[in-house]
Amino acid sequence: MDAVRVALLREVLAGTEWLEATRRFAGTLRGSVVTHGGGLLLVGTPQYEPWHLAAHLVDEAAWSGTPELAPTLVRHDARPSDPAHLAVGPGRIEAARRGETLLVVAPVEPAPLLQRVHDARRSGVTVLALGAGGGELESMAHETLVVPEGAELDLDSVQHLVSAAAGENAGCPRVRRGFRDRLSRLAEMLTAPPPAPW
């Protein structure tokens, strides 16, 4: 989903709780990584890897001048032969320490993932969760954005709103950008070369 589609989605959602919820969650994400100097780990489940969110956060980090938003994608089936940005396995969560942030995107909650998240939190890692809610992950996370089944938005759409809000709000969480700033940013995004394939 590109910037124009995100803008249209926001217009459709105007007046709903989704915009405020995604902006609040994005503000928490941004605040956590910027305050602690980065160290953002992004993990999904063995069946659902949030590689698309990782790519959008990398873009938002570059566009907003907030390199701390660029995550390390943790993959359950990472192999040493994979490209470096795709070769980080679950052991990285176990190695995470105070000052790092773990963003978990999980439509379901497999037990091995929950144990790793629990251990990371005990090590002082800030845990943020995007998912269906109602499970153990919600109680472990410092901040959760619940996307229940059957909601107006699916998990993928919510991830687009969160990543866009995280980049837009960089530096000044409550400052509205002027028309020229927004137009300039949109022009940059539309003329930028496509991101490298993951």
Foldseek 3Di string as FASTA:
>chain_A
DAPVVLVVVCVVCPPPCLLVLLLVLLVVVLCLQVVLVAAEEEEEDQVDFVVVLLVLQCVLCVLQVNVNSRYQGEHCPADPPDPPSRRHYLVVLLVAAASHEYEYEYQDDDPVVLVSLQNSVVRRYAYEYEYQDPDPSCVSHPYYDHDHPPDPDDSVSSSVSNSVSNSVCPPPNPDDDDPVVVVVSSVCRVPPDDDDDD
